[in-house]
Amino acid sequence: MEDEPLAYHFNHIYQIIYWDEKWIYISHRIECEEKIIAVVLAKCTLKKDAELIPFESIIHKLNWEMKPKDRFEMIDRFESGETLFLKTVKHE
């Protein structure tokens, strides 16, 4: 009987899909052997101490050639789900 491998090779593909004055939305996809294992949408912000750092300033400092995209419907759905989750957690 052959031993099963203890580790698998995973690919983590991520992409900044949208940003505004406060938030950055990053999609993450994890694949193993060309199969999608997980898909995640992350919402984050950049701060130094308590001060918000606009993502546009980071893009400029790094000389990235990124243009803002239209807001995806999935982000609105994400936001409504986050709101529902936070309301539920507060009531428990």
Protein backbone atom coordinates (compact mmCIF):
# COMPACT_ATOMS: atom_id res chain seq x y z
CA MET A 1 0.00 0.00 0.00
CA GLU A 2 1.35 3.40 -0.98
CA ASP A 3 1.66 6.10 1.63
CA GLU A 4 -0.55 9.14 1.13
CA PRO A 5 1.38 12.39 0.70
CA LEU A 6 1.57 14.46 3.87
CA ALA A 7 1.58 17.75 1.99
CA TYR A 8 -0.14 19.01 -1.10
CA HIS A 9 0.82 21.78 -3.46
CA PHE A 10 -1.63 24.68 -3.24
CA ASN A 11 -1.82 27.81 -5.33
CA HIS A 12 -3.06 31.00 -3.72
CA ILE A 13 -4.28 33.48 -6.30
CA TYR A 14 -5.29 36.90 -5.07
CA GLN A 15 -6.41 40.08 -6.74
CA ILE A 16 -7.34 43.54 -5.56
CA ILE A 17 -10.78 43.90 -7.10
CA TYR A 18 -12.01 47.22 -5.71
CA TRP A 19 -11.11 50.02 -3.34
CA ASP A 20 -12.63 53.21 -2.09
CA GLU A 21 -11.55 55.91 0.36
CA LYS A 22 -11.56 53.51 3.31
CA TRP A 23 -11.72 49.88 2.22
CA ILE A 24 -9.76 47.53 -0.04
CA TYR A 25 -11.48 44.37 -1.31
CA ILE A 26 -9.27 41.44 -2.21
CA SER A 27 -10.44 38.18 -3.75
CA HIS A 28 -8.54 35.03 -2.82
CA ARG A 29 -8.76 31.69 -4.58
CA ILE A 30 -7.02 28.54 -3.36
CA GLU A 31 -6.47 25.75 -5.87
CA CYS A 32 -5.07 22.26 -5.54
CA GLU A 33 -4.42 20.14 -8.62
CA GLU A 34 -6.40 22.60 -10.75
CA LYS A 35 -9.47 22.30 -8.52
CA ILE A 36 -10.80 25.33 -6.69
CA ILE A 37 -10.72 24.56 -2.97
CA ALA A 38 -11.82 27.92 -1.55
CA VAL A 39 -12.86 31.37 -2.66
CA VAL A 40 -12.75 34.28 -0.22
CA LEU A 41 -13.46 37.98 -0.37
CA ALA A 42 -11.48 39.98 2.18
CA LYS A 43 -12.20 43.54 3.25
CA CYS A 44 -9.34 45.47 4.80
CA THR A 45 -8.10 48.96 5.46
CA LEU A 46 -4.66 50.48 5.94
CA LYS A 47 -3.82 52.47 9.06
CA LYS A 48 -0.82 53.96 10.76
CA ASP A 49 -1.68 54.18 14.43
CA ALA A 50 -5.31 55.40 14.27
CA GLU A 51 -4.88 57.33 11.02
CA LEU A 52 -6.36 55.92 7.84
CA ILE A 53 -3.92 55.61 4.92
CA PRO A 54 -5.67 56.04 1.56
CA PHE A 55 -4.92 53.13 -0.77
CA GLU A 56 -4.53 55.60 -3.64
CA SER A 57 -1.44 57.01 -1.89
CA ILE A 58 0.10 53.53 -1.67
CA ILE A 59 -0.57 52.95 -5.38
CA HIS A 60 1.11 56.25 -6.18
CA LYS A 61 4.16 55.62 -3.93
CA LEU A 62 4.72 52.17 -5.42
CA ASN A 63 4.25 53.43 -8.99
CA TRP A 64 1.59 50.82 -9.60
CA GLU A 65 -0.49 51.33 -12.70
CA MET A 66 -3.85 50.44 -11.23
CA LYS A 67 -7.09 52.11 -12.14
CA PRO A 68 -10.18 51.97 -9.94
CA LYS A 69 -12.87 49.59 -11.15
CA ASP A 70 -16.61 49.86 -10.85
CA ARG A 71 -17.99 48.47 -7.62
CA PHE A 72 -19.08 44.86 -8.12
CA GLU A 73 -22.52 43.69 -7.01
CA MET A 74 -20.78 40.99 -4.97
CA ILE A 75 -19.27 43.72 -2.77
CA ASP A 76 -22.74 45.08 -2.00
CA ARG A 77 -23.87 41.54 -1.14
CA PHE A 78 -20.77 41.10 1.03
CA GLU A 79 -21.58 44.35 2.85
CA SER A 80 -25.19 43.33 3.49
CA GLY A 81 -24.05 39.94 4.80
CA GLU A 82 -21.50 41.61 7.06
CA THR A 83 -24.21 43.92 8.43
CA LEU A 84 -26.54 40.98 9.09
CA PHE A 85 -23.71 39.03 10.77
CA LEU A 86 -22.79 41.96 13.04
CA LYS A 87 -26.44 42.50 14.06
CA THR A 88 -26.76 38.79 14.88
CA VAL A 89 -23.56 38.71 16.94
CA LYS A 90 -24.62 41.79 18.94
CA HIS A 91 -27.89 40.10 19.95
CA GLU A 92 -26.30 36.89 21.21
